[in-house]
Amino acid sequence: MLSYRHSFHAGNHADVLKHIVLLRIIRALQQKEKGFFYLDTHAGVGRYSLNTYEAEKTAEYQEGVARFWQRDDLPPEVADYLAQVKKVNYGTQLKHYPGSPLIAANLLRAQDRALFTELHPSDFPLLRNNFKQYENVTTKRDNGYQQLKAALPPKERRGLVLIDPPYELKEDYDLVVQAIEEGYKRFATGTYAIWYPVVLRQHVKRIVRGLEQTGIRKILQIELALRPDSDQRGMTASGMIVINPPWTLEAEMQAVLPYLVKTLVPENTGSWKVEWITPE
């Protein structure tokens, strides 16, 4: 189908949550000197202008990253996230937003390595161009799910896999679980982070049930809601499911999510949760 374009949604509340979680995992991996491998299965273009027609049409970033831009009360986890956004902005105005690939690429050390895959025929050339100067980054036009077979286990034996599909098709909710099963067989000690939207709660329950049935342990669910679940059109919440999370992640997110809800949802309709789908 390939009609989804993240340029319409860059910097929104879902990106805020996703990228804070991504950063906390990368920071934990960096606690050891040994290198790690990062795989981004649905990379997009990696960098987004917030002055384009697409971004201005929805202006979702105004209710996401922009709400932190001028604040001076940021918790450390949010300050770290905003610092990564400011790396791609010159001056005091918010004009650009880094996708997950660029956030990760800018943090890679010499001993670390990344693979970014994107299938969209218009997005992949932009992705390739955005990272041609990064020596330890490889870009590939491919079905990202297939890379959990092809690229794992990594030679580093340490790593993070981010799975962030567009969920254009209902099948994506099942394909995510299948991909995790394939990856886990090859790389059981890796960390896997799955982003999901809450449009219909039954779809999220499908992923959760599927993961429970795999028998995999240590699965943490992190969710930020703007408003209660609804059967009306539109995303009410988003979340991250993390397999083999760093031991620090649960407490970090419990500390930062109340601040995110307060800042992103001034209407006081928001909520959050951090809970184990399956414990250790």
Protein backbone atom coordinates (compact mmCIF):
# COMPACT_ATOMS: atom_id res chain seq x y z
CA MET A 1 0.00 0.00 0.00
CA LEU A 2 2.82 2.37 1.01
CA SER A 3 0.73 5.54 1.25
CA TYR A 4 1.77 6.49 4.78
CA ARG A 5 4.23 9.41 5.01
CA HIS A 6 5.64 10.29 8.40
CA SER A 7 6.28 13.87 7.27
CA PHE A 8 2.64 14.62 8.17
CA HIS A 9 3.20 13.49 11.75
CA ALA A 10 6.84 14.30 12.60
CA GLY A 11 7.35 15.63 16.10
CA ASN A 12 3.88 14.76 17.36
CA HIS A 13 3.09 13.36 20.83
CA ALA A 14 3.75 9.81 19.64
CA ASP A 15 7.23 10.78 18.41
CA VAL A 16 7.95 12.42 21.76
CA LEU A 17 7.23 9.20 23.63
CA LYS A 18 8.93 6.95 21.09
CA HIS A 19 12.10 8.98 20.97
CA ILE A 20 12.43 9.41 24.72
CA VAL A 21 12.16 5.62 25.10
CA LEU A 22 14.64 5.12 22.25
CA LEU A 23 17.11 7.45 23.91
CA ARG A 24 16.86 5.77 27.30
CA ILE A 25 17.63 2.39 25.71
CA ILE A 26 20.59 3.74 23.73
CA ARG A 27 21.95 5.49 26.82
CA ALA A 28 21.77 2.20 28.70
CA LEU A 29 23.60 0.36 25.90
CA GLN A 30 26.30 3.02 26.05
CA GLN A 31 27.05 2.17 29.66
CA LYS A 32 29.31 -0.58 28.34
CA GLU A 33 32.32 0.11 26.14
CA LYS A 34 31.59 -2.82 23.82
CA GLY A 35 29.85 -1.79 20.61
CA PHE A 36 26.21 -2.45 19.79
CA PHE A 37 24.06 -2.90 16.68
CA TYR A 38 20.95 -0.80 15.99
CA LEU A 39 18.32 -1.90 13.46
CA ASP A 40 15.51 0.46 12.41
CA THR A 41 13.06 -1.61 10.36
CA HIS A 42 10.79 1.20 9.12
CA ALA A 43 13.16 4.12 9.01
CA GLY A 44 11.30 6.72 6.94
CA VAL A 45 13.59 9.48 5.68
CA GLY A 46 15.35 10.13 8.98
CA ARG A 47 15.00 13.91 9.05
CA TYR A 48 11.95 16.15 8.58
CA SER A 49 11.40 19.81 7.83
CA LEU A 50 8.57 21.32 9.86
CA ASN A 51 8.08 24.07 7.27
CA THR A 52 6.80 21.78 4.53
CA TYR A 53 3.23 21.52 3.26
CA GLU A 54 2.87 18.13 4.91
CA ALA A 55 4.02 19.24 8.36
CA GLU A 56 2.10 22.51 8.26
CA LYS A 57 -1.08 20.83 7.04
CA THR A 58 -1.46 18.81 10.23
CA ALA A 59 0.83 20.89 12.53
CA GLU A 60 0.96 17.91 14.87
CA TYR A 61 4.39 18.97 16.09
CA GLN A 62 2.79 22.04 17.68
CA GLU A 63 1.08 19.75 20.16
CA GLY A 64 4.15 17.56 20.52
CA VAL A 65 7.79 18.64 20.57
CA ALA A 66 6.92 22.36 20.36
CA ARG A 67 5.38 22.21 23.83
CA PHE A 68 8.84 21.62 25.31
CA TRP A 69 10.80 24.03 23.14
CA GLN A 70 10.82 27.04 25.48
CA ARG A 71 10.38 25.30 28.83
CA ASP A 72 13.02 25.42 31.55
CA ASP A 73 11.56 22.77 33.86
CA LEU A 74 12.50 19.70 31.83
CA PRO A 75 13.23 16.41 33.60
CA PRO A 76 16.63 14.97 32.61
CA GLU A 77 15.09 12.43 30.23
CA VAL A 78 13.14 15.14 28.39
CA ALA A 79 16.12 17.50 28.39
CA ASP A 80 18.22 14.78 26.75
CA TYR A 81 15.52 14.27 24.11
CA LEU A 82 15.19 17.99 23.39
CA ALA A 83 18.97 18.29 23.07
CA GLN A 84 18.84 15.75 20.22
CA VAL A 85 16.14 17.81 18.49
CA LYS A 86 18.18 20.99 18.91
CA LYS A 87 21.15 19.32 17.21
CA VAL A 88 19.29 19.52 13.89
CA ASN A 89 18.04 23.07 14.42
CA TYR A 90 20.20 26.13 13.99
CA GLY A 91 19.24 29.17 15.99
CA THR A 92 16.29 29.44 18.34
CA GLN A 93 13.44 28.37 16.06
CA LEU A 94 12.06 24.86 15.75
CA LYS A 95 12.27 24.11 12.02
CA HIS A 96 13.48 20.52 11.76
CA TYR A 97 12.78 17.25 13.50
CA PRO A 98 15.05 14.19 13.65
CA GLY A 99 13.47 10.81 13.06
CA SER A 100 14.58 7.74 14.99
CA PRO A 101 17.43 7.00 12.54
CA LEU A 102 19.01 10.42 12.93
CA ILE A 103 18.68 10.43 16.71
CA ALA A 104 20.42 7.05 16.83
CA ALA A 105 23.05 7.89 14.18
CA ASN A 106 24.07 11.03 16.04
CA LEU A 107 24.71 8.98 19.18
CA LEU A 108 26.63 6.10 17.64
CA ARG A 109 30.21 5.69 18.80
CA ALA A 110 33.00 4.44 16.55
CA GLN A 111 32.43 0.87 17.76
CA ASP A 112 28.65 0.94 17.15
CA ARG A 113 26.83 0.10 13.91
CA ALA A 114 23.36 0.74 12.44
CA LEU A 115 21.17 -0.55 9.63
CA PHE A 116 18.18 1.50 8.44
CA THR A 117 15.65 -0.09 6.09
CA GLU A 118 12.80 1.59 4.23
CA LEU A 119 10.58 0.17 1.49
CA HIS A 120 8.77 3.30 0.30
CA PRO A 121 10.09 4.22 -3.20
CA SER A 122 9.99 7.97 -2.51
CA ASP A 123 11.34 7.84 1.04
CA PHE A 124 14.28 5.50 0.52
CA PRO A 125 16.35 7.82 -1.74
CA LEU A 126 15.96 10.59 0.86
CA LEU A 127 16.98 8.21 3.64
CA ARG A 128 20.05 7.07 1.70
CA ASN A 129 21.07 10.65 0.98
CA ASN A 130 20.61 11.77 4.58
CA PHE A 131 23.05 9.15 5.87
CA LYS A 132 25.63 8.87 3.10
CA GLN A 133 28.21 10.67 5.27
CA TYR A 134 27.84 8.30 8.24
CA GLU A 135 30.54 5.64 8.07
CA ASN A 136 28.91 3.23 10.53
CA VAL A 137 25.40 3.44 9.04
CA THR A 138 24.04 1.25 6.22
CA THR A 139 20.76 2.01 4.44
CA LYS A 140 18.81 -0.58 2.49
CA ARG A 141 15.58 -0.53 0.50
CA ASP A 142 13.85 -3.61 1.82
CA ASN A 143 10.96 -4.97 3.82
CA GLY A 144 12.15 -4.23 7.34
CA TYR A 145 10.51 -7.30 8.85
CA GLN A 146 12.81 -9.47 6.72
CA GLN A 147 15.86 -7.97 8.38
CA LEU A 148 15.02 -9.69 11.65
CA LYS A 149 15.94 -12.85 9.77
CA ALA A 150 18.74 -11.49 7.62
CA ALA A 151 20.61 -9.19 10.03
CA LEU A 152 20.32 -11.09 13.32
CA PRO A 153 22.20 -12.12 15.34
CA PRO A 154 24.62 -9.21 14.97
CA LYS A 155 28.34 -9.80 15.33
CA GLU A 156 28.37 -7.42 18.32
CA ARG A 157 25.97 -9.70 20.26
CA ARG A 158 24.46 -6.56 21.77
CA GLY A 159 21.80 -4.39 20.22
CA LEU A 160 18.43 -2.75 19.78
CA VAL A 161 15.78 -3.38 17.14
CA LEU A 162 13.16 -0.65 16.63
CA ILE A 163 10.00 -1.78 14.84
CA ASP A 164 7.85 1.20 13.90
CA PRO A 165 5.51 0.21 11.04
CA PRO A 166 2.78 2.48 9.67
CA TYR A 167 -0.02 0.02 10.56
CA GLU A 168 -1.73 0.85 7.27
CA LEU A 169 -2.95 -2.73 7.12
CA LYS A 170 -4.46 -4.79 9.93
CA GLU A 171 -1.91 -7.47 9.07
CA ASP A 172 0.84 -5.25 10.50
CA TYR A 173 -0.37 -6.08 14.00
CA ASP A 174 0.29 -9.76 13.33
CA LEU A 175 3.45 -9.19 11.29
CA VAL A 176 5.04 -7.37 14.24
CA VAL A 177 4.57 -10.42 16.46
CA GLN A 178 5.85 -12.79 13.76
CA ALA A 179 8.92 -10.60 13.25
CA ILE A 180 9.65 -10.59 16.99
CA GLU A 181 9.40 -14.38 17.08
CA GLU A 182 11.85 -14.66 14.18
CA GLY A 183 14.27 -12.16 15.68
CA TYR A 184 14.12 -13.60 19.17
CA LYS A 185 15.01 -17.08 17.92
CA ARG A 186 18.23 -15.64 16.50
CA PHE A 187 19.01 -12.97 19.10
CA ALA A 188 17.32 -13.69 22.41
CA THR A 189 19.47 -11.25 24.39
CA GLY A 190 18.71 -8.24 22.19
CA THR A 191 16.35 -5.42 23.10
CA TYR A 192 13.29 -5.03 20.87
CA ALA A 193 11.16 -1.86 20.92
CA ILE A 194 7.78 -1.86 19.16
CA TRP A 195 5.86 1.38 18.62
CA TYR A 196 2.08 1.14 18.31
CA PRO A 197 -0.83 3.57 17.87
CA VAL A 198 -4.07 3.29 19.80
CA VAL A 199 -6.77 3.82 17.20
CA LEU A 200 -8.85 0.79 18.14
CA ARG A 201 -7.87 -0.85 21.42
CA GLN A 202 -8.63 -4.29 20.04
CA HIS A 203 -5.66 -4.00 17.66
CA VAL A 204 -3.27 -3.31 20.54
CA LYS A 205 -4.74 -6.24 22.46
CA ARG A 206 -3.98 -8.35 19.40
CA ILE A 207 -0.27 -7.53 19.65
CA VAL A 208 -0.25 -8.10 23.41
CA ARG A 209 -1.98 -11.48 23.12
CA GLY A 210 0.35 -12.49 20.32
CA LEU A 211 3.41 -11.63 22.36
CA GLU A 212 2.07 -13.45 25.41
CA GLN A 213 1.61 -16.57 23.30
CA THR A 214 5.26 -16.53 22.20
CA GLY A 215 6.37 -17.38 25.72
CA ILE A 216 8.94 -14.57 25.65
CA ARG A 217 9.59 -13.05 29.08
CA LYS A 218 10.54 -9.52 30.18
CA ILE A 219 8.06 -7.53 28.06
CA LEU A 220 7.31 -3.99 29.29
CA GLN A 221 4.46 -1.82 28.00
CA ILE A 222 4.68 1.99 28.13
CA GLU A 223 1.72 4.09 27.02
CA LEU A 224 0.75 7.76 26.87
CA ALA A 225 -2.89 8.69 26.16
CA LEU A 226 -4.24 12.09 25.17
CA ARG A 227 -7.79 11.02 25.89
CA PRO A 228 -9.73 7.84 26.73
CA ASP A 229 -10.18 5.08 24.17
CA SER A 230 -12.81 5.82 21.55
CA ASP A 231 -14.49 4.12 18.60
CA GLN A 232 -14.28 7.39 16.70
CA ARG A 233 -11.67 8.05 14.03
CA GLY A 234 -8.23 9.15 15.23
CA MET A 235 -5.35 8.10 17.47
CA THR A 236 -6.14 8.57 21.16
CA ALA A 237 -2.83 7.24 22.50
CA SER A 238 0.41 5.55 21.54
CA GLY A 239 2.82 3.26 23.22
CA MET A 240 6.04 1.31 23.22
CA ILE A 241 6.39 -2.38 23.97
CA VAL A 242 9.96 -3.22 24.98
CA ILE A 243 11.36 -6.73 25.19
CA ASN A 244 14.46 -7.11 27.37
CA PRO A 245 14.34 -3.47 28.50
CA PRO A 246 17.26 -1.97 30.40
CA TRP A 247 16.71 -2.42 34.13
CA THR A 248 16.48 1.37 34.51
CA LEU A 249 13.72 1.93 31.94
CA GLU A 250 10.66 1.12 34.06
CA ALA A 251 11.57 3.61 36.80
CA GLU A 252 12.65 6.28 34.30
CA MET A 253 9.34 6.15 32.47
CA GLN A 254 7.32 6.09 35.68
CA ALA A 255 9.12 9.29 36.64
CA VAL A 256 8.79 11.13 33.32
CA LEU A 257 5.32 10.13 32.07
CA PRO A 258 3.35 12.28 34.54
CA TYR A 259 5.31 15.30 33.27
CA LEU A 260 4.66 14.35 29.64
CA VAL A 261 0.92 14.01 30.27
CA LYS A 262 0.76 17.33 32.11
CA THR A 263 2.66 19.15 29.37
CA LEU A 264 1.20 17.48 26.29
CA VAL A 265 -2.38 17.27 27.54
CA PRO A 266 -3.25 20.55 29.29
CA GLU A 267 -6.93 19.68 28.87
CA ASN A 268 -6.42 17.16 31.70
CA THR A 269 -7.87 14.27 29.68
CA GLY A 270 -4.63 12.31 29.46
CA SER A 271 -3.29 9.25 31.25
CA TRP A 272 -0.28 6.97 31.26
CA LYS A 273 0.78 3.47 32.21
CA VAL A 274 3.93 1.43 32.65
CA GLU A 275 3.26 -2.24 33.24
CA TRP A 276 4.66 -5.67 32.50
CA ILE A 277 2.97 -7.79 29.86
CA THR A 278 5.17 -10.65 31.00
CA PRO A 279 7.72 -10.20 33.81
CA GLU A 280 11.10 -11.88 34.00
